Amino acid sequence: MSRLLRSHLSKRCMSSWIDKFDSYVLGSEPVKNQHSKLLAKREVIYNIETQDVKPGYSSEYLANAAKMLPEIHNSAKVPAQLYGQFVVQHGQLDRVYTIWKYIEYKDLDLSIEGLKDIPAYTEYERTQGEMLRNREQQICYEFSFWPDYNDDHDGGIFEIRSYSLKPGCLYEWGNAWANAIKLREKDAVMGLCSQIGQMYTVHHIWRYSDLQQRKIERDSAWKRGDGTWGDCVIRTVPLIKSLNVNIIRATDYSPLR
């Protein structure tokens, strides 16, 4: 990609961010309609926990989680819902993603206190921690342009694509994807942007019946929409610092599976 194009996209990215800043901090609202589509869905908060398990301990780690996570999910004292838990099948092996759902920020604090009232949780946390190499957490909002996902079937695989973006380019990213997502609505599960943890991170989660269907859907996106998909790629690739792709499969007790 030419330096001229990169420079042009960088300027557009910064201009978009400045317009957004003016609109919501200074109250001048220089651009209304387009930016309103890029606001995050703030009705729900998601907590993505990434756990890297030591080789050879995955079975024990997941067996312990199968007993504890449903109990947390069903506890009246913990205002957290287990949205899904997934194990990497292809990519960064021995990695587990656990996604929790909250209604308000205060629910995160209440959940910490509520966990203290579950007798077995302290020992569970200690035991699980001994089997981990690394873990991290991100508190995220869902993009407002991302379609609502109807989980009407079980099985298949999921793909989580985690993008680290250049600072200030989130709204340029959303502007491009707001159009492109329409080409792949049936595969789109969730689009998240980080608010706490590693910032300027975006997670796109997709669902397929298998890897062959993934290939078919991704290839067909280039042929639909009068170049919309290609335009999205051209506009967003310069905004990416790094990309991590994992094919994941839901655990048996995951609500989303």
C-alpha atoms as a PDB file:
ATOM      1  CA  MET A   1       0.000   0.000   0.000  1.00  0.00           C
ATOM      2  CA  SER A   2       1.403   3.368  -0.990  1.00  0.00           C
ATOM      3  CA  ARG A   3       2.645   5.929   1.528  1.00  0.00           C
ATOM      4  CA  LEU A   4       0.151   8.410   0.109  1.00  0.00           C
ATOM      5  CA  LEU A   5      -2.781   6.103   0.834  1.00  0.00           C
ATOM      6  CA  ARG A   6      -1.500   5.317   4.328  1.00  0.00           C
ATOM      7  CA  SER A   7      -1.084   9.015   5.064  1.00  0.00           C
ATOM      8  CA  HIS A   8      -4.586   9.741   3.777  1.00  0.00           C
ATOM      9  CA  LEU A   9      -6.133   7.000   5.907  1.00  0.00           C
ATOM     10  CA  SER A  10      -4.196   8.120   8.976  1.00  0.00           C
ATOM     11  CA  LYS A  11      -5.481  11.670   8.585  1.00  0.00           C
ATOM     12  CA  ARG A  12      -9.054  10.413   8.118  1.00  0.00           C
ATOM     13  CA  CYS A  13      -8.676   8.261  11.228  1.00  0.00           C
ATOM     14  CA  MET A  14      -7.521  11.156  13.381  1.00  0.00           C
ATOM     15  CA  SER A  15     -10.146  13.496  11.920  1.00  0.00           C
ATOM     16  CA  SER A  16     -12.878  10.971  12.751  1.00  0.00           C
ATOM     17  CA  TRP A  17     -11.644  10.657  16.326  1.00  0.00           C
ATOM     18  CA  ILE A  18     -11.445  14.453  16.778  1.00  0.00           C
ATOM     19  CA  ASP A  19     -14.995  14.876  15.464  1.00  0.00           C
ATOM     20  CA  LYS A  20     -16.138  12.246  17.928  1.00  0.00           C
ATOM     21  CA  PHE A  21     -14.294  13.935  20.782  1.00  0.00           C
ATOM     22  CA  ASP A  22     -15.842  17.301  19.925  1.00  0.00           C
ATOM     23  CA  SER A  23     -19.310  15.766  19.762  1.00  0.00           C
ATOM     24  CA  TYR A  24     -19.314  14.028  23.107  1.00  0.00           C
ATOM     25  CA  VAL A  25     -16.890  16.068  25.208  1.00  0.00           C
ATOM     26  CA  LEU A  26     -17.243  19.602  23.894  1.00  0.00           C
ATOM     27  CA  GLY A  27     -20.860  19.200  22.823  1.00  0.00           C
ATOM     28  CA  SER A  28     -20.436  20.773  19.381  1.00  0.00           C
ATOM     29  CA  GLU A  29     -21.628  17.653  17.495  1.00  0.00           C
ATOM     30  CA  PRO A  30     -19.878  18.418  14.170  1.00  0.00           C
ATOM     31  CA  VAL A  31     -21.010  15.066  12.728  1.00  0.00           C
ATOM     32  CA  LYS A  32     -24.247  13.454  13.938  1.00  0.00           C
ATOM     33  CA  ASN A  33     -25.751  10.666  11.854  1.00  0.00           C
ATOM     34  CA  GLN A  34     -22.696   8.599  10.983  1.00  0.00           C
ATOM     35  CA  HIS A  35     -21.011   8.738  14.375  1.00  0.00           C
ATOM     36  CA  SER A  36     -24.223   7.894  16.202  1.00  0.00           C
ATOM     37  CA  LYS A  37     -24.089   4.485  14.512  1.00  0.00           C
ATOM     38  CA  LEU A  38     -20.646   3.810  15.975  1.00  0.00           C
ATOM     39  CA  LEU A  39     -21.557   4.206  19.630  1.00  0.00           C
ATOM     40  CA  ALA A  40     -21.132   1.113  21.732  1.00  0.00           C
ATOM     41  CA  LYS A  41     -24.122  -0.742  23.119  1.00  0.00           C
ATOM     42  CA  ARG A  42     -23.834   0.361  26.724  1.00  0.00           C
ATOM     43  CA  GLU A  43     -26.744  -1.668  28.062  1.00  0.00           C
ATOM     44  CA  VAL A  44     -24.467  -4.667  28.593  1.00  0.00           C
ATOM     45  CA  ILE A  45     -20.852  -5.043  29.710  1.00  0.00           C
ATOM     46  CA  TYR A  46     -18.700  -8.039  28.792  1.00  0.00           C
ATOM     47  CA  ASN A  47     -15.670  -9.394  30.615  1.00  0.00           C
ATOM     48  CA  ILE A  48     -13.350 -11.495  28.458  1.00  0.00           C
ATOM     49  CA  GLU A  49     -10.971 -13.576  30.544  1.00  0.00           C
ATOM     50  CA  THR A  50      -8.088 -15.180  28.676  1.00  0.00           C
ATOM     51  CA  GLN A  51      -6.455 -18.083  30.497  1.00  0.00           C
ATOM     52  CA  ASP A  52      -3.314 -19.811  29.217  1.00  0.00           C
ATOM     53  CA  VAL A  53      -3.146 -23.245  30.822  1.00  0.00           C
ATOM     54  CA  LYS A  54       0.099 -25.080  31.424  1.00  0.00           C
ATOM     55  CA  PRO A  55       0.581 -27.941  28.919  1.00  0.00           C
ATOM     56  CA  GLY A  56      -0.865 -31.177  30.260  1.00  0.00           C
ATOM     57  CA  TYR A  57      -3.332 -29.523  32.655  1.00  0.00           C
ATOM     58  CA  SER A  58      -6.176 -28.537  30.323  1.00  0.00           C
ATOM     59  CA  SER A  59      -8.426 -31.508  31.137  1.00  0.00           C
ATOM     60  CA  GLU A  60      -8.169 -30.957  34.895  1.00  0.00           C
ATOM     61  CA  TYR A  61      -8.596 -27.209  34.516  1.00  0.00           C
ATOM     62  CA  LEU A  62     -11.782 -27.604  32.471  1.00  0.00           C
ATOM     63  CA  ALA A  63     -13.167 -30.328  34.744  1.00  0.00           C
ATOM     64  CA  ASN A  64     -12.879 -27.975  37.717  1.00  0.00           C
ATOM     65  CA  ALA A  65     -14.474 -25.149  35.743  1.00  0.00           C
ATOM     66  CA  ALA A  66     -17.382 -27.412  34.732  1.00  0.00           C
ATOM     67  CA  LYS A  67     -18.299 -27.713  38.417  1.00  0.00           C
ATOM     68  CA  MET A  68     -17.771 -24.099  39.502  1.00  0.00           C
ATOM     69  CA  LEU A  69     -18.829 -21.858  36.602  1.00  0.00           C
ATOM     70  CA  PRO A  70     -22.469 -23.068  36.422  1.00  0.00           C
ATOM     71  CA  GLU A  71     -22.711 -22.493  40.189  1.00  0.00           C
ATOM     72  CA  ILE A  72     -21.484 -18.917  39.769  1.00  0.00           C
ATOM     73  CA  HIS A  73     -23.834 -18.406  36.839  1.00  0.00           C
ATOM     74  CA  ASN A  74     -26.831 -19.544  38.904  1.00  0.00           C
ATOM     75  CA  SER A  75     -25.900 -17.763  42.129  1.00  0.00           C
ATOM     76  CA  ALA A  76     -28.300 -15.015  43.239  1.00  0.00           C
ATOM     77  CA  LYS A  77     -25.409 -13.310  45.043  1.00  0.00           C
ATOM     78  CA  VAL A  78     -23.257 -12.926  41.916  1.00  0.00           C
ATOM     79  CA  PRO A  79     -24.813 -10.609  39.278  1.00  0.00           C
ATOM     80  CA  ALA A  80     -22.798 -12.129  36.451  1.00  0.00           C
ATOM     81  CA  GLN A  81     -24.026 -14.340  33.640  1.00  0.00           C
ATOM     82  CA  LEU A  82     -21.740 -16.824  31.952  1.00  0.00           C
ATOM     83  CA  TYR A  83     -22.059 -15.890  28.273  1.00  0.00           C
ATOM     84  CA  GLY A  84     -19.720 -18.592  27.025  1.00  0.00           C
ATOM     85  CA  GLN A  85     -16.519 -20.538  27.579  1.00  0.00           C
ATOM     86  CA  PHE A  86     -14.330 -21.695  24.720  1.00  0.00           C
ATOM     87  CA  VAL A  87     -11.191 -23.768  24.234  1.00  0.00           C
ATOM     88  CA  VAL A  88      -8.728 -23.074  21.407  1.00  0.00           C
ATOM     89  CA  GLN A  89      -8.782 -25.873  18.850  1.00  0.00           C
ATOM     90  CA  HIS A  90      -6.447 -24.273  16.291  1.00  0.00           C
ATOM     91  CA  GLY A  91      -4.103 -21.421  17.108  1.00  0.00           C
ATOM     92  CA  GLN A  92      -2.753 -20.680  20.590  1.00  0.00           C
ATOM     93  CA  LEU A  93      -3.216 -24.119  22.105  1.00  0.00           C
ATOM     94  CA  ASP A  94      -4.036 -24.599  25.802  1.00  0.00           C
ATOM     95  CA  ARG A  95      -5.854 -21.254  25.809  1.00  0.00           C
ATOM     96  CA  VAL A  96      -9.322 -20.830  27.331  1.00  0.00           C
ATOM     97  CA  TYR A  97     -11.645 -17.874  26.791  1.00  0.00           C
ATOM     98  CA  THR A  98     -14.328 -17.239  29.403  1.00  0.00           C
ATOM     99  CA  ILE A  99     -16.845 -14.469  28.691  1.00  0.00           C
ATOM    100  CA  TRP A 100     -19.049 -13.004  31.428  1.00  0.00           C
ATOM    101  CA  LYS A 101     -21.973 -10.640  30.949  1.00  0.00           C
ATOM    102  CA  TYR A 102     -23.031  -7.799  33.286  1.00  0.00           C
ATOM    103  CA  ILE A 103     -25.820  -5.233  33.174  1.00  0.00           C
ATOM    104  CA  GLU A 104     -23.995  -2.406  34.976  1.00  0.00           C
ATOM    105  CA  TYR A 105     -20.450  -1.592  36.049  1.00  0.00           C
ATOM    106  CA  LYS A 106     -21.434  -1.931  39.692  1.00  0.00           C
ATOM    107  CA  ASP A 107     -22.216  -5.588  38.988  1.00  0.00           C
ATOM    108  CA  LEU A 108     -18.492  -6.245  38.569  1.00  0.00           C
ATOM    109  CA  ASP A 109     -17.835  -5.014  42.108  1.00  0.00           C
ATOM    110  CA  LEU A 110     -20.860  -6.862  43.478  1.00  0.00           C
ATOM    111  CA  SER A 111     -19.674 -10.060  41.804  1.00  0.00           C
ATOM    112  CA  ILE A 112     -16.304  -9.878  43.554  1.00  0.00           C
ATOM    113  CA  GLU A 113     -18.083  -9.632  46.889  1.00  0.00           C
ATOM    114  CA  GLY A 114     -20.615 -12.309  45.951  1.00  0.00           C
ATOM    115  CA  LEU A 115     -17.890 -14.827  45.093  1.00  0.00           C
ATOM    116  CA  LYS A 116     -16.695 -14.657  48.705  1.00  0.00           C
ATOM    117  CA  ASP A 117     -20.014 -16.205  49.742  1.00  0.00           C
ATOM    118  CA  ILE A 118     -19.457 -19.310  47.607  1.00  0.00           C
ATOM    119  CA  PRO A 119     -17.659 -21.689  50.017  1.00  0.00           C
ATOM    120  CA  ALA A 120     -15.604 -23.574  47.452  1.00  0.00           C
ATOM    121  CA  TYR A 121     -14.555 -20.578  45.365  1.00  0.00           C
ATOM    122  CA  THR A 122     -11.381 -19.600  47.268  1.00  0.00           C
ATOM    123  CA  GLU A 123      -9.934 -23.093  46.915  1.00  0.00           C
ATOM    124  CA  TYR A 124     -11.110 -23.272  43.307  1.00  0.00           C
ATOM    125  CA  GLU A 125      -9.303 -20.029  42.455  1.00  0.00           C
ATOM    126  CA  ARG A 126      -6.097 -21.219  44.122  1.00  0.00           C
ATOM    127  CA  THR A 127      -6.162 -24.600  42.382  1.00  0.00           C
ATOM    128  CA  GLN A 128      -6.929 -23.119  38.973  1.00  0.00           C
ATOM    129  CA  GLY A 129      -4.250 -20.469  39.375  1.00  0.00           C
ATOM    130  CA  GLU A 130      -1.567 -23.115  39.900  1.00  0.00           C
ATOM    131  CA  MET A 131      -2.382 -24.578  36.478  1.00  0.00           C
ATOM    132  CA  LEU A 132      -2.048 -21.285  34.571  1.00  0.00           C
ATOM    133  CA  ARG A 133       0.920 -19.783  32.754  1.00  0.00           C
ATOM    134  CA  ASN A 134      -0.778 -16.448  32.226  1.00  0.00           C
ATOM    135  CA  ARG A 135      -4.181 -14.809  32.405  1.00  0.00           C
ATOM    136  CA  GLU A 136      -5.636 -11.430  31.556  1.00  0.00           C
ATOM    137  CA  GLN A 137      -8.954  -9.650  31.554  1.00  0.00           C
ATOM    138  CA  GLN A 138     -10.629  -7.072  29.333  1.00  0.00           C
ATOM    139  CA  ILE A 139     -13.850  -5.217  30.090  1.00  0.00           C
ATOM    140  CA  CYS A 140     -15.617  -4.503  26.809  1.00  0.00           C
ATOM    141  CA  TYR A 141     -18.629  -2.921  25.156  1.00  0.00           C
ATOM    142  CA  GLU A 142     -20.313  -4.369  22.082  1.00  0.00           C
ATOM    143  CA  PHE A 143     -20.327  -2.289  18.892  1.00  0.00           C
ATOM    144  CA  SER A 144     -23.739  -0.775  18.197  1.00  0.00           C
ATOM    145  CA  PHE A 145     -23.533  -1.627  14.490  1.00  0.00           C
ATOM    146  CA  TRP A 146     -22.994  -5.333  15.229  1.00  0.00           C
ATOM    147  CA  PRO A 147     -26.185  -7.328  14.504  1.00  0.00           C
ATOM    148  CA  ASP A 148     -27.988  -9.136  17.301  1.00  0.00           C
ATOM    149  CA  TYR A 149     -27.055 -12.795  17.295  1.00  0.00           C
ATOM    150  CA  ASN A 150     -29.745 -15.463  17.569  1.00  0.00           C
ATOM    151  CA  ASP A 151     -28.247 -18.630  18.991  1.00  0.00           C
ATOM    152  CA  ASP A 152     -30.740 -21.136  17.640  1.00  0.00           C
ATOM    153  CA  HIS A 153     -28.485 -24.155  17.218  1.00  0.00           C
ATOM    154  CA  ASP A 154     -25.690 -26.057  18.935  1.00  0.00           C
ATOM    155  CA  GLY A 155     -22.445 -27.327  17.525  1.00  0.00           C
ATOM    156  CA  GLY A 156     -19.926 -26.028  15.050  1.00  0.00           C
ATOM    157  CA  ILE A 157     -16.880 -23.907  15.667  1.00  0.00           C
ATOM    158  CA  PHE A 158     -16.226 -20.287  16.545  1.00  0.00           C
ATOM    159  CA  GLU A 159     -13.486 -17.946  15.449  1.00  0.00           C
ATOM    160  CA  ILE A 160     -12.183 -15.102  17.596  1.00  0.00           C
ATOM    161  CA  ARG A 161     -10.164 -12.469  15.769  1.00  0.00           C
ATOM    162  CA  SER A 162      -8.438 -10.088  18.183  1.00  0.00           C
ATOM    163  CA  TYR A 163      -7.110  -6.871  16.662  1.00  0.00           C
ATOM    164  CA  SER A 164      -4.739  -4.429  18.320  1.00  0.00           C
ATOM    165  CA  LEU A 165      -5.435  -1.052  16.703  1.00  0.00           C
ATOM    166  CA  LYS A 166      -3.410   2.114  16.476  1.00  0.00           C
ATOM    167  CA  PRO A 167      -4.566   4.697  19.060  1.00  0.00           C
ATOM    168  CA  GLY A 168      -7.249   7.065  17.781  1.00  0.00           C
ATOM    169  CA  CYS A 169      -8.517   4.854  14.963  1.00  0.00           C
ATOM    170  CA  LEU A 170     -11.426   3.052  16.615  1.00  0.00           C
ATOM    171  CA  TYR A 171     -14.122   5.142  14.952  1.00  0.00           C
ATOM    172  CA  GLU A 172     -12.593   4.812  11.498  1.00  0.00           C
ATOM    173  CA  TRP A 173     -12.628   1.073  12.152  1.00  0.00           C
ATOM    174  CA  GLY A 174     -16.292   1.119  13.104  1.00  0.00           C
ATOM    175  CA  ASN A 175     -17.197   3.304  10.150  1.00  0.00           C
ATOM    176  CA  ALA A 176     -15.780   0.735   7.726  1.00  0.00           C
ATOM    177  CA  TRP A 177     -17.239  -2.313   9.487  1.00  0.00           C
ATOM    178  CA  ALA A 178     -20.712  -0.812   9.845  1.00  0.00           C
ATOM    179  CA  ASN A 179     -21.134  -1.393   6.115  1.00  0.00           C
ATOM    180  CA  ALA A 180     -19.138  -4.596   5.679  1.00  0.00           C
ATOM    181  CA  ILE A 181     -20.857  -6.502   8.498  1.00  0.00           C
ATOM    182  CA  LYS A 182     -24.080  -6.566   6.468  1.00  0.00           C
ATOM    183  CA  LEU A 183     -22.438  -9.053   4.094  1.00  0.00           C
ATOM    184  CA  ARG A 184     -21.820 -11.602   6.861  1.00  0.00           C
ATOM    185  CA  GLU A 185     -24.627 -11.130   9.366  1.00  0.00           C
ATOM    186  CA  LYS A 186     -25.475 -14.810   9.659  1.00  0.00           C
ATOM    187  CA  ASP A 187     -21.918 -15.666  10.810  1.00  0.00           C
ATOM    188  CA  ALA A 188     -21.464 -12.668  13.127  1.00  0.00           C
ATOM    189  CA  VAL A 189     -21.708 -13.492  16.839  1.00  0.00           C
ATOM    190  CA  MET A 190     -20.147 -10.523  18.602  1.00  0.00           C
ATOM    191  CA  GLY A 191     -17.998  -7.425  18.013  1.00  0.00           C
ATOM    192  CA  LEU A 192     -16.362  -5.964  21.120  1.00  0.00           C
ATOM    193  CA  CYS A 193     -14.093  -3.021  21.921  1.00  0.00           C
ATOM    194  CA  SER A 194     -12.047  -2.868  25.124  1.00  0.00           C
ATOM    195  CA  GLN A 195     -12.684  -0.301  27.858  1.00  0.00           C
ATOM    196  CA  ILE A 196     -10.458  -1.685  30.633  1.00  0.00           C
ATOM    197  CA  GLY A 197      -7.356  -3.818  30.167  1.00  0.00           C
ATOM    198  CA  GLN A 198      -5.348  -3.730  26.942  1.00  0.00           C
ATOM    199  CA  MET A 199      -6.832  -0.695  25.226  1.00  0.00           C
ATOM    200  CA  TYR A 200      -7.479  -0.184  21.494  1.00  0.00           C
ATOM    201  CA  THR A 201      -8.345  -3.881  21.239  1.00  0.00           C
ATOM    202  CA  VAL A 202     -11.223  -5.178  19.137  1.00  0.00           C
ATOM    203  CA  HIS A 203     -12.588  -8.728  19.192  1.00  0.00           C
ATOM    204  CA  HIS A 204     -14.732 -10.115  16.360  1.00  0.00           C
ATOM    205  CA  ILE A 205     -16.332 -13.498  17.033  1.00  0.00           C
ATOM    206  CA  TRP A 206     -17.784 -15.572  14.176  1.00  0.00           C
ATOM    207  CA  ARG A 207     -19.533 -18.925  13.972  1.00  0.00           C
ATOM    208  CA  TYR A 208     -19.283 -21.668  11.315  1.00  0.00           C
ATOM    209  CA  SER A 209     -20.301 -25.282  10.981  1.00  0.00           C
ATOM    210  CA  ASP A 210     -16.665 -26.218  10.235  1.00  0.00           C
ATOM    211  CA  LEU A 211     -13.429 -24.896   8.726  1.00  0.00           C
ATOM    212  CA  GLN A 212     -14.611 -25.579   5.183  1.00  0.00           C
ATOM    213  CA  GLN A 213     -17.677 -23.385   5.685  1.00  0.00           C
ATOM    214  CA  ARG A 214     -15.402 -20.693   7.116  1.00  0.00           C
ATOM    215  CA  LYS A 215     -13.394 -20.720   3.902  1.00  0.00           C
ATOM    216  CA  ILE A 216     -16.531 -20.571   1.748  1.00  0.00           C
ATOM    217  CA  GLU A 217     -18.065 -17.682   3.674  1.00  0.00           C
ATOM    218  CA  ARG A 218     -14.871 -15.640   3.732  1.00  0.00           C
ATOM    219  CA  ASP A 219     -14.263 -16.186   0.015  1.00  0.00           C
ATOM    220  CA  SER A 220     -17.845 -15.315  -0.936  1.00  0.00           C
ATOM    221  CA  ALA A 221     -17.713 -12.010   0.977  1.00  0.00           C
ATOM    222  CA  TRP A 222     -15.257 -10.717  -1.621  1.00  0.00           C
ATOM    223  CA  LYS A 223     -17.772 -11.437  -4.405  1.00  0.00           C
ATOM    224  CA  ARG A 224     -20.767  -9.684  -2.823  1.00  0.00           C
ATOM    225  CA  GLY A 225     -21.676  -6.116  -2.083  1.00  0.00           C
ATOM    226  CA  ASP A 226     -20.126  -4.301  -5.073  1.00  0.00           C
ATOM    227  CA  GLY A 227     -16.686  -4.170  -3.509  1.00  0.00           C
ATOM    228  CA  THR A 228     -17.861  -3.379   0.032  1.00  0.00           C
ATOM    229  CA  TRP A 229     -15.733  -6.109   1.595  1.00  0.00           C
ATOM    230  CA  GLY A 230     -12.643  -5.094  -0.319  1.00  0.00           C
ATOM    231  CA  ASP A 231     -13.196  -1.471   0.646  1.00  0.00           C
ATOM    232  CA  CYS A 232     -13.402  -2.480   4.313  1.00  0.00           C
ATOM    233  CA  VAL A 233     -10.099  -4.356   4.057  1.00  0.00           C
ATOM    234  CA  ILE A 234      -8.366  -1.446   2.318  1.00  0.00           C
ATOM    235  CA  ARG A 235      -9.580   1.000   4.950  1.00  0.00           C
ATOM    236  CA  THR A 236      -8.899  -1.108   8.051  1.00  0.00           C
ATOM    237  CA  VAL A 237      -5.616  -2.932   7.364  1.00  0.00           C
ATOM    238  CA  PRO A 238      -3.536   0.250   7.880  1.00  0.00           C
ATOM    239  CA  LEU A 239      -5.193   0.708  11.290  1.00  0.00           C
ATOM    240  CA  ILE A 240      -4.014  -2.677  12.631  1.00  0.00           C
ATOM    241  CA  LYS A 241      -0.890  -3.085  14.762  1.00  0.00           C
ATOM    242  CA  SER A 242      -1.356  -6.846  15.203  1.00  0.00           C
ATOM    243  CA  LEU A 243      -3.941  -9.586  14.670  1.00  0.00           C
ATOM    244  CA  ASN A 244      -4.422 -12.818  16.581  1.00  0.00           C
ATOM    245  CA  VAL A 245      -6.767 -15.492  15.156  1.00  0.00           C
ATOM    246  CA  ASN A 246      -7.946 -18.567  17.062  1.00  0.00           C
ATOM    247  CA  ILE A 247     -10.459 -21.254  16.137  1.00  0.00           C
ATOM    248  CA  ILE A 248     -12.334 -22.139  19.310  1.00  0.00           C
ATOM    249  CA  ARG A 249     -14.912 -24.672  20.420  1.00  0.00           C
ATOM    250  CA  ALA A 250     -17.438 -24.180  23.212  1.00  0.00           C
ATOM    251  CA  THR A 251     -17.302 -26.320  26.341  1.00  0.00           C
ATOM    252  CA  ASP A 252     -20.257 -28.592  27.114  1.00  0.00           C
ATOM    253  CA  TYR A 253     -21.535 -26.274  29.842  1.00  0.00           C
ATOM    254  CA  SER A 254     -21.137 -23.048  27.862  1.00  0.00           C
ATOM    255  CA  PRO A 255     -24.495 -21.261  27.406  1.00  0.00           C
ATOM    256  CA  LEU A 256     -23.350 -20.266  23.920  1.00  0.00           C
ATOM    257  CA  ARG A 257     -22.452 -23.427  22.079  1.00  0.00           C
END
